[in-house]
Every structure is written in structure tokens, then in C-alpha cells.
């Protein structure tokens, strides 16, 4: 299927596209050690409608790629040590996207193990968004990259996963109302052992004057 028609399947709000990405294959072809991951868990972010989204308060230099065409990556750096990757959805200016939260390495297993420091079990190679990005070799250099291009290749299922096989719930580690049950925008393959462990965000502590 041509990339134009595949891209059009992503040109909808992220919460509508989420079931389509479950079971999809994403490959990073770096010219030496390609790795492929089958996606098992995603989180939808809905731009200005979503208090959990990086785009909630508008466009910045950091999140600019979210406001572009569907089918590109938004890669961000977090906690001073990790990269996470999102597939941009919707139409330009909408800033909706899907965080690639977990998956199973199905190609380039030895390379993924090396990049991840040889964890005790292969289940943990791409279990969590930072681990998934590391296994694929994704960093900020790929921010804005086309997932239907030469370096990245996203292969969507012909048919979305049946709704009966999909579980939903609050997003992991999102603070404030965006992490509540009012936003059940995490989608995963039910019973899949690679899915990340749910953790609610820690409450923010407000400091008063004189507090160290």
C-alpha cells in the first residue's frame, strides 16, 4: 500500500487512530542494525483539548513537530536521560498524537538487547516508552522524521484490532486531571505481557516561601 494512503489512515484524531496502531510494526533502518517492534500499547494525546498533552498551551520549539502532518515522529527528551516517540495524527495544526508506550521486538533482537544493556528478560526490551525508543535506536535526531520514509517504516494492520481484544484506562504518570479516569486514553492489547505497569503520577507538592 502506498504511503499516501497509509498516511491518510492516520489523519484522524489520535483516540480514533489508537486501535489501528495496536499490532502495527515499526522499523528503524539505520543502515547497519535494523530493529522492528510490534506495538502493543499506545497513549493518545489530543492537543489543546487535553491537559495532559505537551501541546495543551500551544506550539513551542520543543513540540513543533506535533503540529505538522500525520505520519511523522514527535520525539522528546524526559527526566534528563530518556527519549520517547509519538506518531503524529490528525491534520496539521491539530497536534494530536500517539505515544508508543510498549511493544515486542520481532526483528533485530540482538541489536535491541545490546542497546538495552541486555535486560534479564526479552519482555522488558520495549516495555515502556523510553525502553521502546532505546531498543529502536530513536533519539532527538529523528524528531519530525517521516514514519513512511527510508529510515523509519510503519506497517499498519490491514484491519484494526477487534475492540474485544483492546483494553483502555488512564494514562501512565500523567499529572493533574489529564491523568485521571476522565481521560481513559491509554490503549493496549489485553493480556499482552509486554504492556507497561500502570503508575499514577505522584501528586505535585506546592512549595511556600521559605521552603527549601
N, C-alpha and C. Protein backbone atom coordinates (compact mmCIF):
# COMPACT_ATOMS: atom_id res chain seq x y z
N UNK A 1 0.85 -1.20 0.00
CA UNK A 1 0.00 0.00 0.00
C UNK A 1 0.89 1.25 0.00
N UNK A 2 0.56 2.24 -0.80
CA UNK A 2 1.38 3.45 -0.90
C UNK A 2 1.32 4.25 0.39
N UNK A 3 2.41 4.99 0.64
CA UNK A 3 2.49 5.75 1.87
C UNK A 3 1.39 6.80 1.98
N UNK A 4 0.96 7.36 0.84
CA UNK A 4 -0.09 8.39 0.88
C UNK A 4 -1.38 7.83 1.45
N UNK A 5 -1.76 6.62 1.02
CA UNK A 5 -2.99 6.05 1.54
C UNK A 5 -2.81 5.57 2.97
N UNK A 6 -1.62 5.11 3.33
CA UNK A 6 -1.36 4.74 4.71
C UNK A 6 -1.39 5.97 5.61
N UNK A 7 -0.80 7.07 5.14
CA UNK A 7 -0.79 8.31 5.92
C UNK A 7 -2.23 8.80 6.16
N UNK A 8 -3.09 8.64 5.18
CA UNK A 8 -4.46 9.12 5.32
C UNK A 8 -5.19 8.38 6.44
N UNK A 9 -4.75 7.15 6.75
CA UNK A 9 -5.37 6.39 7.83
C UNK A 9 -5.02 6.99 9.20
N UNK A 10 -3.94 7.77 9.25
CA UNK A 10 -3.53 8.42 10.49
C UNK A 10 -4.10 9.84 10.62
N UNK A 11 -4.70 10.34 9.56
CA UNK A 11 -5.16 11.74 9.54
C UNK A 11 -6.51 11.90 10.23
N UNK A 12 -6.60 11.37 11.42
CA UNK A 12 -7.79 11.47 12.27
C UNK A 12 -7.33 11.72 13.70
N UNK A 13 -8.22 12.11 14.59
CA UNK A 13 -7.82 12.32 15.98
C UNK A 13 -7.18 11.07 16.57
N UNK A 14 -6.21 11.28 17.44
CA UNK A 14 -5.42 10.17 17.98
C UNK A 14 -6.27 9.11 18.68
N UNK A 15 -7.32 9.49 19.38
CA UNK A 15 -8.15 8.50 20.07
C UNK A 15 -8.86 7.58 19.08
N UNK A 16 -9.06 8.05 17.84
CA UNK A 16 -9.68 7.20 16.82
C UNK A 16 -8.64 6.31 16.14
N UNK A 17 -7.41 6.80 16.04
CA UNK A 17 -6.36 6.04 15.36
C UNK A 17 -5.75 4.99 16.28
N UNK A 18 -5.84 5.17 17.60
CA UNK A 18 -5.15 4.29 18.56
C UNK A 18 -5.34 2.80 18.28
N UNK A 19 -6.57 2.30 18.06
CA UNK A 19 -6.72 0.86 17.83
C UNK A 19 -5.97 0.38 16.58
N UNK A 20 -5.78 1.27 15.62
CA UNK A 20 -5.09 0.89 14.39
C UNK A 20 -3.61 0.65 14.62
N UNK A 21 -3.01 1.35 15.58
CA UNK A 21 -1.59 1.18 15.84
C UNK A 21 -1.27 -0.07 16.65
N UNK A 22 -2.25 -0.61 17.34
CA UNK A 22 -2.01 -1.83 18.11
C UNK A 22 -1.81 -3.00 17.15
N UNK A 23 -0.66 -3.62 17.25
CA UNK A 23 -0.30 -4.69 16.32
C UNK A 23 0.49 -4.21 15.12
N UNK A 24 0.63 -2.89 14.98
CA UNK A 24 1.43 -2.35 13.87
C UNK A 24 2.91 -2.65 14.09
N UNK A 25 3.67 -2.67 13.00
CA UNK A 25 5.11 -2.88 13.07
C UNK A 25 5.82 -1.57 12.76
N UNK A 26 6.81 -1.22 13.56
CA UNK A 26 7.64 -0.04 13.27
C UNK A 26 9.09 -0.47 13.24
N UNK A 27 9.77 -0.10 12.16
CA UNK A 27 11.16 -0.48 11.94
C UNK A 27 12.02 0.76 11.82
N UNK A 28 13.15 0.77 12.51
CA UNK A 28 14.15 1.81 12.32
C UNK A 28 15.29 1.18 11.54
N UNK A 29 15.47 1.65 10.32
CA UNK A 29 16.52 1.15 9.43
C UNK A 29 17.68 2.13 9.48
N UNK A 30 18.69 1.81 10.30
CA UNK A 30 19.82 2.73 10.45
C UNK A 30 20.97 2.43 9.49
N UNK A 31 20.76 1.48 8.59
CA UNK A 31 21.79 1.15 7.62
C UNK A 31 22.74 0.06 8.08
N UNK A 32 22.69 -0.27 9.37
CA UNK A 32 23.58 -1.28 9.93
C UNK A 32 22.80 -2.33 10.70
N UNK A 33 22.01 -1.88 11.68
CA UNK A 33 21.33 -2.80 12.60
C UNK A 33 19.84 -2.47 12.68
N UNK A 34 19.03 -2.82 11.68
CA UNK A 34 17.60 -2.53 11.76
C UNK A 34 16.92 -3.31 12.87
N UNK A 35 15.97 -2.66 13.52
CA UNK A 35 15.18 -3.29 14.59
C UNK A 35 13.71 -3.03 14.29
N UNK A 36 12.89 -4.05 14.51
CA UNK A 36 11.44 -3.93 14.32
C UNK A 36 10.72 -4.25 15.61
N UNK A 37 9.73 -3.43 15.95
CA UNK A 37 8.91 -3.63 17.15
C UNK A 37 7.45 -3.73 16.74
N UNK A 38 6.75 -4.71 17.32
CA UNK A 38 5.30 -4.80 17.17
C UNK A 38 4.67 -4.04 18.33
N UNK A 39 3.86 -3.06 18.02
CA UNK A 39 3.29 -2.16 19.03
C UNK A 39 2.17 -2.85 19.79
N UNK A 40 2.24 -2.80 21.13
CA UNK A 40 1.21 -3.43 21.96
C UNK A 40 0.48 -2.45 22.87
N UNK A 41 0.98 -1.22 22.96
CA UNK A 41 0.37 -0.24 23.87
C UNK A 41 0.67 1.16 23.39
N UNK A 42 -0.35 2.01 23.39
CA UNK A 42 -0.18 3.41 23.00
C UNK A 42 -0.99 4.29 23.94
N UNK A 43 -0.64 5.57 23.96
CA UNK A 43 -1.43 6.57 24.68
C UNK A 43 -1.77 7.70 23.72
N UNK A 44 -3.04 8.10 23.71
CA UNK A 44 -3.49 9.18 22.84
C UNK A 44 -3.37 10.52 23.56
N UNK A 45 -2.94 11.54 22.81
CA UNK A 45 -2.85 12.91 23.31
C UNK A 45 -3.53 13.81 22.29
N UNK A 46 -4.38 14.71 22.81
CA UNK A 46 -5.32 15.42 21.95
C UNK A 46 -5.11 16.93 21.92
N UNK A 47 -3.87 17.37 21.96
CA UNK A 47 -3.56 18.77 21.73
C UNK A 47 -4.21 19.73 22.70
N UNK A 48 -4.81 20.78 22.17
CA UNK A 48 -5.36 21.86 23.00
C UNK A 48 -6.56 21.41 23.83
N UNK A 49 -7.14 20.24 23.51
CA UNK A 49 -8.27 19.71 24.28
C UNK A 49 -7.82 18.91 25.49
N UNK A 50 -6.53 18.71 25.62
CA UNK A 50 -6.01 17.69 26.53
C UNK A 50 -5.00 18.28 27.52
N UNK A 51 -5.37 18.39 28.82
CA UNK A 51 -4.43 18.96 29.79
C UNK A 51 -3.20 18.10 30.03
N UNK A 52 -3.19 16.86 29.52
CA UNK A 52 -2.02 16.01 29.65
C UNK A 52 -1.06 16.12 28.49
N UNK A 53 -1.43 16.88 27.46
CA UNK A 53 -0.64 16.96 26.24
C UNK A 53 0.43 18.04 26.32
N UNK A 54 1.57 17.80 25.69
CA UNK A 54 2.62 18.82 25.59
C UNK A 54 2.15 20.01 24.76
N UNK A 55 1.10 19.82 23.97
CA UNK A 55 0.59 20.90 23.12
C UNK A 55 -0.60 21.63 23.72
N UNK A 56 -0.91 21.37 24.97
CA UNK A 56 -2.09 21.94 25.59
C UNK A 56 -2.07 23.47 25.58
N UNK A 57 -0.87 24.04 25.78
CA UNK A 57 -0.76 25.50 25.83
C UNK A 57 -0.22 26.09 24.53
N UNK A 58 -0.26 25.33 23.48
CA UNK A 58 0.15 25.86 22.19
C UNK A 58 1.50 25.37 21.70
N UNK A 59 1.89 25.88 20.56
CA UNK A 59 3.11 25.43 19.89
C UNK A 59 4.36 26.08 20.49
N UNK A 60 5.39 25.27 20.67
CA UNK A 60 6.70 25.73 21.14
C UNK A 60 7.77 25.10 20.26
N UNK A 61 9.00 25.50 20.47
CA UNK A 61 10.10 24.90 19.70
C UNK A 61 10.18 23.40 19.98
N UNK A 62 9.91 23.02 21.22
CA UNK A 62 10.01 21.60 21.60
C UNK A 62 8.96 20.74 20.91
N UNK A 63 7.69 21.23 20.86
CA UNK A 63 6.61 20.38 20.38
C UNK A 63 6.17 20.67 18.95
N UNK A 64 6.94 21.46 18.21
CA UNK A 64 6.52 21.92 16.89
C UNK A 64 6.15 20.79 15.94
N UNK A 65 6.85 19.66 16.02
CA UNK A 65 6.57 18.56 15.09
C UNK A 65 5.18 17.96 15.31
N UNK A 66 4.61 18.15 16.50
CA UNK A 66 3.25 17.65 16.76
C UNK A 66 2.22 18.38 15.91
N UNK A 67 2.53 19.59 15.51
CA UNK A 67 1.58 20.42 14.76
C UNK A 67 1.66 20.19 13.26
N UNK A 68 2.49 19.25 12.84
CA UNK A 68 2.69 19.00 11.41
C UNK A 68 1.78 17.92 10.86
N UNK A 69 2.21 17.38 9.74
CA UNK A 69 1.44 16.38 9.01
C UNK A 69 1.43 15.04 9.74
N UNK A 70 0.34 14.32 9.61
CA UNK A 70 0.25 12.99 10.20
C UNK A 70 1.33 12.09 9.60
N UNK A 71 1.78 11.13 10.44
CA UNK A 71 2.77 10.17 9.93
C UNK A 71 4.20 10.60 10.14
N UNK A 72 4.43 11.53 11.05
CA UNK A 72 5.78 11.93 11.41
C UNK A 72 5.97 11.67 12.91
N UNK A 73 7.22 11.62 13.34
CA UNK A 73 7.50 11.39 14.75
C UNK A 73 7.63 12.70 15.52
N UNK A 74 7.12 12.70 16.73
CA UNK A 74 7.44 13.73 17.71
C UNK A 74 8.26 13.02 18.79
N UNK A 75 9.53 13.38 18.89
CA UNK A 75 10.43 12.75 19.86
C UNK A 75 10.80 13.80 20.91
N UNK A 76 10.68 13.44 22.17
CA UNK A 76 11.05 14.37 23.24
C UNK A 76 11.97 13.69 24.24
N UNK A 77 12.72 14.51 24.96
CA UNK A 77 13.67 14.07 25.97
C UNK A 77 13.04 14.29 27.33
N UNK A 78 13.13 13.31 28.22
CA UNK A 78 12.46 13.42 29.51
C UNK A 78 13.34 12.92 30.64
N UNK A 79 13.15 13.49 31.80
CA UNK A 79 13.90 13.14 33.01
C UNK A 79 15.42 13.25 32.83
N UNK A 80 15.84 14.03 31.85
CA UNK A 80 17.26 14.25 31.63
C UNK A 80 18.02 13.04 31.16
N UNK A 81 17.30 11.99 30.70
CA UNK A 81 18.02 10.77 30.32
C UNK A 81 17.33 9.92 29.26
N UNK A 82 16.03 10.12 29.00
CA UNK A 82 15.30 9.21 28.13
C UNK A 82 14.66 9.96 26.95
N UNK A 83 14.52 9.23 25.82
CA UNK A 83 13.74 9.72 24.69
C UNK A 83 12.45 8.92 24.61
N UNK A 84 11.38 9.56 24.18
CA UNK A 84 10.10 8.89 23.93
C UNK A 84 9.60 9.34 22.55
N UNK A 85 8.87 8.44 21.87
CA UNK A 85 8.46 8.72 20.49
C UNK A 85 6.94 8.66 20.35
N UNK A 86 6.40 9.62 19.63
CA UNK A 86 4.97 9.69 19.33
C UNK A 86 4.76 9.73 17.83
N UNK A 87 3.72 9.07 17.36
CA UNK A 87 3.33 9.17 15.96
C UNK A 87 2.27 10.26 15.86
N UNK A 88 2.55 11.28 15.05
CA UNK A 88 1.62 12.40 14.88
C UNK A 88 0.40 11.93 14.09
N UNK A 89 -0.79 12.35 14.55
CA UNK A 89 -2.05 12.00 13.89
C UNK A 89 -2.79 13.29 13.51
N UNK A 90 -3.99 13.12 12.99
CA UNK A 90 -4.83 14.27 12.69
C UNK A 90 -4.37 15.08 11.49
N UNK A 91 -4.73 16.35 11.50
CA UNK A 91 -4.39 17.27 10.41
C UNK A 91 -3.42 18.32 10.94
N UNK A 92 -2.64 18.95 10.05
CA UNK A 92 -1.69 19.97 10.52
C UNK A 92 -2.39 21.04 11.37
N UNK A 93 -1.74 21.38 12.48
CA UNK A 93 -2.29 22.36 13.41
C UNK A 93 -3.09 21.75 14.53
N UNK A 94 -3.47 20.48 14.42
CA UNK A 94 -4.31 19.84 15.43
C UNK A 94 -3.50 19.33 16.61
N UNK A 95 -2.27 18.89 16.36
CA UNK A 95 -1.33 18.45 17.41
C UNK A 95 -1.85 17.27 18.22
N UNK A 96 -2.44 16.29 17.55
CA UNK A 96 -2.80 15.06 18.23
C UNK A 96 -1.80 13.97 17.86
N UNK A 97 -1.54 13.08 18.79
CA UNK A 97 -0.56 12.04 18.52
C UNK A 97 -0.68 10.87 19.46
N UNK A 98 0.08 9.80 19.14
CA UNK A 98 0.06 8.58 19.92
C UNK A 98 1.45 8.25 20.43
N UNK A 99 1.60 8.23 21.74
CA UNK A 99 2.85 7.81 22.36
C UNK A 99 3.00 6.31 22.18
N UNK A 100 4.15 5.87 21.64
CA UNK A 100 4.45 4.45 21.52
C UNK A 100 4.92 3.98 22.90
N UNK A 101 4.02 3.39 23.66
CA UNK A 101 4.30 3.10 25.06
C UNK A 101 4.94 1.74 25.28
N UNK A 102 4.61 0.74 24.49
CA UNK A 102 5.21 -0.58 24.69
C UNK A 102 5.08 -1.41 23.44
N UNK A 103 5.94 -2.43 23.34
CA UNK A 103 5.88 -3.32 22.20
C UNK A 103 6.76 -4.55 22.41
N UNK A 104 6.81 -5.38 21.39
CA UNK A 104 7.61 -6.60 21.39
C UNK A 104 8.60 -6.52 20.24
N UNK A 105 9.87 -6.76 20.51
CA UNK A 105 10.89 -6.76 19.47
C UNK A 105 10.72 -8.03 18.63
N UNK A 106 10.47 -7.87 17.34
CA UNK A 106 10.26 -9.02 16.45
C UNK A 106 11.32 -9.09 15.35
N UNK A 107 12.22 -8.15 15.32
CA UNK A 107 13.31 -8.15 14.36
C UNK A 107 14.50 -7.40 14.92
N UNK A 108 15.72 -7.93 14.69
CA UNK A 108 16.91 -7.27 15.23
C UNK A 108 17.06 -7.47 16.72
N UNK A 109 16.73 -8.67 17.19
CA UNK A 109 16.69 -8.94 18.62
C UNK A 109 18.03 -8.70 19.31
N UNK A 110 19.12 -9.16 18.71
CA UNK A 110 20.43 -8.99 19.34
C UNK A 110 20.82 -7.52 19.44
N UNK A 111 20.48 -6.75 18.42
CA UNK A 111 20.78 -5.31 18.45
C UNK A 111 19.97 -4.63 19.55
N UNK A 112 18.69 -4.98 19.66
CA UNK A 112 17.85 -4.40 20.71
C UNK A 112 18.38 -4.77 22.09
N UNK A 113 18.82 -6.01 22.26
CA UNK A 113 19.38 -6.42 23.56
C UNK A 113 20.62 -5.59 23.89
N UNK A 114 21.47 -5.38 22.91
CA UNK A 114 22.69 -4.61 23.15
C UNK A 114 22.35 -3.17 23.50
N UNK A 115 21.45 -2.56 22.76
CA UNK A 115 21.08 -1.17 23.04
C UNK A 115 20.47 -1.02 24.43
N UNK A 116 19.78 -2.06 24.88
CA UNK A 116 19.10 -2.00 26.16
C UNK A 116 19.96 -2.53 27.31
N UNK A 117 21.20 -2.86 27.03
CA UNK A 117 22.07 -3.32 28.10
C UNK A 117 21.78 -4.72 28.57
N UNK A 118 21.22 -5.55 27.68
CA UNK A 118 20.94 -6.96 27.96
C UNK A 118 20.13 -7.16 29.24
N UNK A 119 18.85 -6.74 29.23
CA UNK A 119 18.00 -6.96 30.41
C UNK A 119 17.79 -8.46 30.66
N UNK A 120 17.32 -8.79 31.85
CA UNK A 120 17.17 -10.19 32.24
C UNK A 120 16.18 -10.94 31.36
N UNK A 121 15.16 -10.26 30.89
CA UNK A 121 14.15 -10.91 30.06
C UNK A 121 13.85 -10.06 28.83
N UNK A 122 13.59 -10.72 27.70
CA UNK A 122 13.27 -10.00 26.46
C UNK A 122 11.93 -9.28 26.56
N UNK A 123 11.09 -9.67 27.50
CA UNK A 123 9.82 -8.97 27.70
C UNK A 123 10.05 -7.49 28.00
N UNK A 124 11.18 -7.19 28.63
CA UNK A 124 11.45 -5.81 29.04
C UNK A 124 12.20 -4.99 27.99
N UNK A 125 12.47 -5.56 26.83
CA UNK A 125 13.23 -4.82 25.82
C UNK A 125 12.51 -3.55 25.37
N UNK A 126 11.20 -3.62 25.21
CA UNK A 126 10.43 -2.46 24.74
C UNK A 126 9.20 -2.24 25.60
N UNK A 127 9.32 -2.58 26.87
CA UNK A 127 8.21 -2.45 27.81
C UNK A 127 8.32 -1.09 28.50
N UNK A 128 7.60 -0.11 27.98
CA UNK A 128 7.71 1.27 28.44
C UNK A 128 8.22 2.14 27.31
N UNK A 129 7.80 3.40 27.24
CA UNK A 129 8.12 4.25 26.09
C UNK A 129 9.60 4.55 25.91
N UNK A 130 10.33 4.74 27.01
CA UNK A 130 11.76 5.01 26.89
C UNK A 130 12.52 3.77 26.44
N UNK A 131 12.13 2.61 26.95
CA UNK A 131 12.77 1.36 26.55
C UNK A 131 12.50 1.07 25.07
N UNK A 132 11.27 1.32 24.64
CA UNK A 132 10.91 1.09 23.23
C UNK A 132 11.77 1.97 22.32
N UNK A 133 11.88 3.26 22.67
CA UNK A 133 12.69 4.17 21.84
C UNK A 133 14.15 3.74 21.83
N UNK A 134 14.66 3.32 22.98
CA UNK A 134 16.06 2.90 23.06
C UNK A 134 16.29 1.63 22.23
N UNK A 135 15.38 0.67 22.32
CA UNK A 135 15.51 -0.57 21.55
C UNK A 135 15.54 -0.28 20.05
N UNK A 136 14.73 0.69 19.61
CA UNK A 136 14.68 1.05 18.20
C UNK A 136 15.82 1.98 17.78
N UNK A 137 16.54 2.53 18.75
CA UNK A 137 17.60 3.48 18.42
C UNK A 137 17.07 4.84 18.04
N UNK A 138 15.94 5.22 18.63
CA UNK A 138 15.31 6.52 18.34
C UNK A 138 15.80 7.56 19.33
N UNK A 139 16.26 8.69 18.81
CA UNK A 139 16.64 9.82 19.65
C UNK A 139 16.13 11.11 19.00
N UNK A 140 16.55 12.24 19.55
CA UNK A 140 16.01 13.53 19.08
C UNK A 140 16.33 13.79 17.61
N UNK A 141 17.35 13.14 17.08
CA UNK A 141 17.69 13.30 15.66
C UNK A 141 16.52 12.90 14.75
N UNK A 142 15.67 12.00 15.24
CA UNK A 142 14.54 11.53 14.44
C UNK A 142 13.26 12.31 14.72
N UNK A 143 13.34 13.37 15.50
CA UNK A 143 12.19 14.23 15.70
C UNK A 143 11.75 14.83 14.37
N UNK A 144 10.50 14.63 14.00
CA UNK A 144 9.97 15.12 12.74
C UNK A 144 10.15 14.16 11.58
N UNK A 145 10.81 13.02 11.80
CA UNK A 145 11.05 12.07 10.71
C UNK A 145 9.75 11.43 10.23
N UNK A 146 9.70 11.12 8.96
CA UNK A 146 8.55 10.51 8.32
C UNK A 146 8.55 9.01 8.63
N UNK A 147 7.47 8.49 9.21
CA UNK A 147 7.42 7.06 9.53
C UNK A 147 7.12 6.21 8.30
N UNK A 148 6.91 6.85 7.16
CA UNK A 148 6.76 6.14 5.90
C UNK A 148 7.93 6.46 4.98
N UNK A 149 9.07 6.80 5.57
CA UNK A 149 10.25 7.18 4.80
C UNK A 149 11.24 6.04 4.68
N UNK A 150 12.51 6.40 4.42
CA UNK A 150 13.55 5.40 4.23
C UNK A 150 14.10 4.88 5.55
N UNK A 151 14.25 5.75 6.54
CA UNK A 151 14.84 5.34 7.82
C UNK A 151 13.83 4.68 8.74
N UNK A 152 12.61 5.16 8.69
CA UNK A 152 11.55 4.60 9.52
C UNK A 152 10.47 4.00 8.63
N UNK A 153 9.93 2.88 9.08
CA UNK A 153 8.87 2.24 8.29
C UNK A 153 7.78 1.74 9.23
N UNK A 154 6.60 2.33 9.11
CA UNK A 154 5.44 1.91 9.90
C UNK A 154 4.53 1.08 9.00
N UNK A 155 4.24 -0.12 9.45
CA UNK A 155 3.35 -1.03 8.71
C UNK A 155 2.09 -1.23 9.54
N UNK A 156 1.00 -0.63 9.07
CA UNK A 156 -0.26 -0.70 9.79
C UNK A 156 -1.01 -1.99 9.45
N UNK A 157 -1.73 -2.55 10.41
CA UNK A 157 -2.56 -3.72 10.09
C UNK A 157 -3.59 -3.38 9.03
N UNK A 158 -3.95 -4.35 8.23
CA UNK A 158 -4.98 -4.12 7.21
C UNK A 158 -6.30 -3.75 7.88
N UNK A 159 -6.61 -4.45 8.97
CA UNK A 159 -7.81 -4.16 9.74
C UNK A 159 -7.42 -3.84 11.18
N UNK A 160 -8.07 -2.86 11.81
CA UNK A 160 -7.77 -2.57 13.22
C UNK A 160 -8.06 -3.79 14.09
N UNK A 161 -7.37 -3.86 15.22
CA UNK A 161 -7.61 -4.93 16.18
C UNK A 161 -9.06 -4.87 16.66
N UNK A 162 -9.67 -6.04 16.81
CA UNK A 162 -11.06 -6.10 17.28
C UNK A 162 -11.18 -5.44 18.64
N UNK A 163 -12.24 -4.69 18.82
CA UNK A 163 -12.43 -3.94 20.08
C UNK A 163 -12.44 -4.85 21.30
N UNK A 164 -12.87 -6.09 21.14
CA UNK A 164 -12.94 -7.01 22.27
C UNK A 164 -11.55 -7.41 22.78
N UNK A 165 -10.52 -7.18 21.97
CA UNK A 165 -9.15 -7.54 22.35
C UNK A 165 -8.36 -6.34 22.88
N UNK A 166 -9.02 -5.19 23.00
CA UNK A 166 -8.35 -3.96 23.42
C UNK A 166 -8.85 -3.53 24.80
N UNK A 167 -7.90 -3.21 25.68
CA UNK A 167 -8.24 -2.65 26.99
C UNK A 167 -7.89 -1.17 27.00
N UNK A 168 -8.58 -0.40 27.82
CA UNK A 168 -8.31 1.04 27.93
C UNK A 168 -8.29 1.44 29.40
N UNK A 169 -7.64 2.57 29.66
CA UNK A 169 -7.57 3.07 31.02
C UNK A 169 -6.84 4.39 31.07
N UNK A 170 -6.63 4.94 32.28
CA UNK A 170 -5.92 6.21 32.42
C UNK A 170 -4.48 6.09 31.93
N UNK A 171 -3.93 7.20 31.53
CA UNK A 171 -2.55 7.23 31.06
C UNK A 171 -1.58 7.14 32.23
N UNK A 172 -0.39 6.65 31.94
CA UNK A 172 0.60 6.38 32.98
C UNK A 172 1.40 7.63 33.30
N UNK A 173 1.50 7.97 34.59
CA UNK A 173 2.38 9.03 35.03
C UNK A 173 2.02 10.42 34.59
N UNK A 174 0.77 10.65 34.14
CA UNK A 174 0.33 11.99 33.72
C UNK A 174 -0.24 12.70 34.93
N UNK A 175 0.28 13.86 35.25
CA UNK A 175 -0.17 14.58 36.43
C UNK A 175 -1.44 15.37 36.16
N UNK A 176 -2.13 15.73 37.23
CA UNK A 176 -3.33 16.55 37.12
C UNK A 176 -4.50 15.80 36.53
N UNK A 177 -5.49 16.56 36.06
CA UNK A 177 -6.72 15.95 35.55
C UNK A 177 -6.47 15.08 34.33
N UNK A 178 -5.43 15.40 33.57
CA UNK A 178 -5.15 14.62 32.36
C UNK A 178 -4.77 13.18 32.63
N UNK A 179 -4.38 12.89 33.87
CA UNK A 179 -4.04 11.52 34.24
C UNK A 179 -5.16 10.79 34.95
N UNK A 180 -6.33 11.40 35.01
CA UNK A 180 -7.46 10.81 35.74
C UNK A 180 -8.26 9.86 34.85
N UNK A 181 -9.24 9.22 35.47
CA UNK A 181 -10.11 8.30 34.73
C UNK A 181 -11.00 9.04 33.74
N UNK A 182 -11.01 10.36 33.80
CA UNK A 182 -11.77 11.15 32.82
C UNK A 182 -11.11 11.11 31.44
N UNK A 183 -9.86 10.67 31.41
CA UNK A 183 -9.12 10.56 30.16
C UNK A 183 -8.59 9.13 30.02
N UNK A 184 -9.47 8.17 29.69
CA UNK A 184 -9.06 6.77 29.55
C UNK A 184 -8.43 6.53 28.17
N UNK A 185 -7.36 7.26 27.90
CA UNK A 185 -6.80 7.30 26.55
C UNK A 185 -5.52 6.48 26.40
N UNK A 186 -5.35 5.51 27.29
CA UNK A 186 -4.30 4.52 27.10
C UNK A 186 -4.97 3.26 26.54
N UNK A 187 -4.40 2.73 25.47
CA UNK A 187 -4.97 1.58 24.77
C UNK A 187 -3.91 0.49 24.70
N UNK A 188 -4.30 -0.74 25.02
CA UNK A 188 -3.32 -1.83 24.94
C UNK A 188 -4.00 -3.15 24.57
N UNK A 189 -3.19 -4.08 24.08
CA UNK A 189 -3.69 -5.41 23.74
C UNK A 189 -3.90 -6.18 25.04
N UNK A 190 -5.12 -6.55 25.32
CA UNK A 190 -5.47 -7.22 26.56
C UNK A 190 -4.68 -8.51 26.72
N UNK A 191 -4.10 -8.71 27.90
CA UNK A 191 -3.37 -9.93 28.19
C UNK A 191 -1.95 -9.96 27.65
N UNK A 192 -1.51 -8.90 27.03
CA UNK A 192 -0.16 -8.86 26.44
C UNK A 192 0.87 -8.58 27.53
N UNK A 193 1.83 -9.48 27.77
CA UNK A 193 2.79 -9.30 28.87
C UNK A 193 3.78 -8.16 28.69
N UNK A 194 3.91 -7.64 27.48
CA UNK A 194 4.86 -6.54 27.26
C UNK A 194 4.31 -5.19 27.69
N UNK A 195 3.02 -5.12 28.00
CA UNK A 195 2.40 -3.84 28.36
C UNK A 195 3.01 -3.31 29.65
N UNK A 196 3.25 -2.01 29.71
CA UNK A 196 3.91 -1.40 30.86
C UNK A 196 3.02 -1.41 32.10
N UNK A 197 3.65 -1.35 33.25
CA UNK A 197 2.93 -1.36 34.52
C UNK A 197 2.30 0.02 34.76
N UNK A 198 1.03 0.03 35.15
CA UNK A 198 0.37 1.31 35.39
C UNK A 198 0.86 1.95 36.68
N UNK A 199 1.23 3.22 36.59
CA UNK A 199 1.60 4.01 37.76
C UNK A 199 0.96 5.38 37.63
N UNK A 200 0.24 5.76 38.66
CA UNK A 200 -0.33 7.11 38.67
C UNK A 200 0.79 8.12 38.94
N UNK A 201 0.60 9.34 38.47
CA UNK A 201 1.60 10.38 38.71
C UNK A 201 1.62 10.74 40.19
N UNK A 202 2.80 11.05 40.69
CA UNK A 202 2.90 11.48 42.08
C UNK A 202 2.33 12.89 42.21
N UNK A 203 1.56 13.16 43.27
CA UNK A 203 0.99 14.50 43.45
C UNK A 203 2.10 15.55 43.53
N UNK A 204 1.84 16.68 42.92
CA UNK A 204 2.80 17.77 42.98
C UNK A 204 2.72 18.46 44.34
N UNK A 205 3.87 18.76 44.91
CA UNK A 205 3.92 19.44 46.20
C UNK A 205 4.18 20.92 45.96
N UNK A 206 3.27 21.75 46.44
CA UNK A 206 3.44 23.20 46.27
C UNK A 206 4.34 23.73 47.39
N UNK A 207 5.37 24.43 47.00
CA UNK A 207 6.28 25.00 47.99
C UNK A 207 5.84 26.40 48.38
N UNK A 208 5.94 26.69 49.66
CA UNK A 208 5.64 28.04 50.13
C UNK A 208 6.94 28.81 50.32
N UNK A 209 6.83 30.10 50.48
CA UNK A 209 8.02 30.92 50.68
C UNK A 209 8.78 30.44 51.89
N UNK A 210 10.07 30.25 51.74
CA UNK A 210 10.90 29.80 52.84
C UNK A 210 11.11 28.30 52.85
N UNK A 211 10.36 27.56 52.00
CA UNK A 211 10.52 26.11 51.92
C UNK A 211 11.73 25.79 51.06
N UNK A 212 12.65 24.95 51.49
CA UNK A 212 13.84 24.65 50.69
C UNK A 212 13.48 23.82 49.47
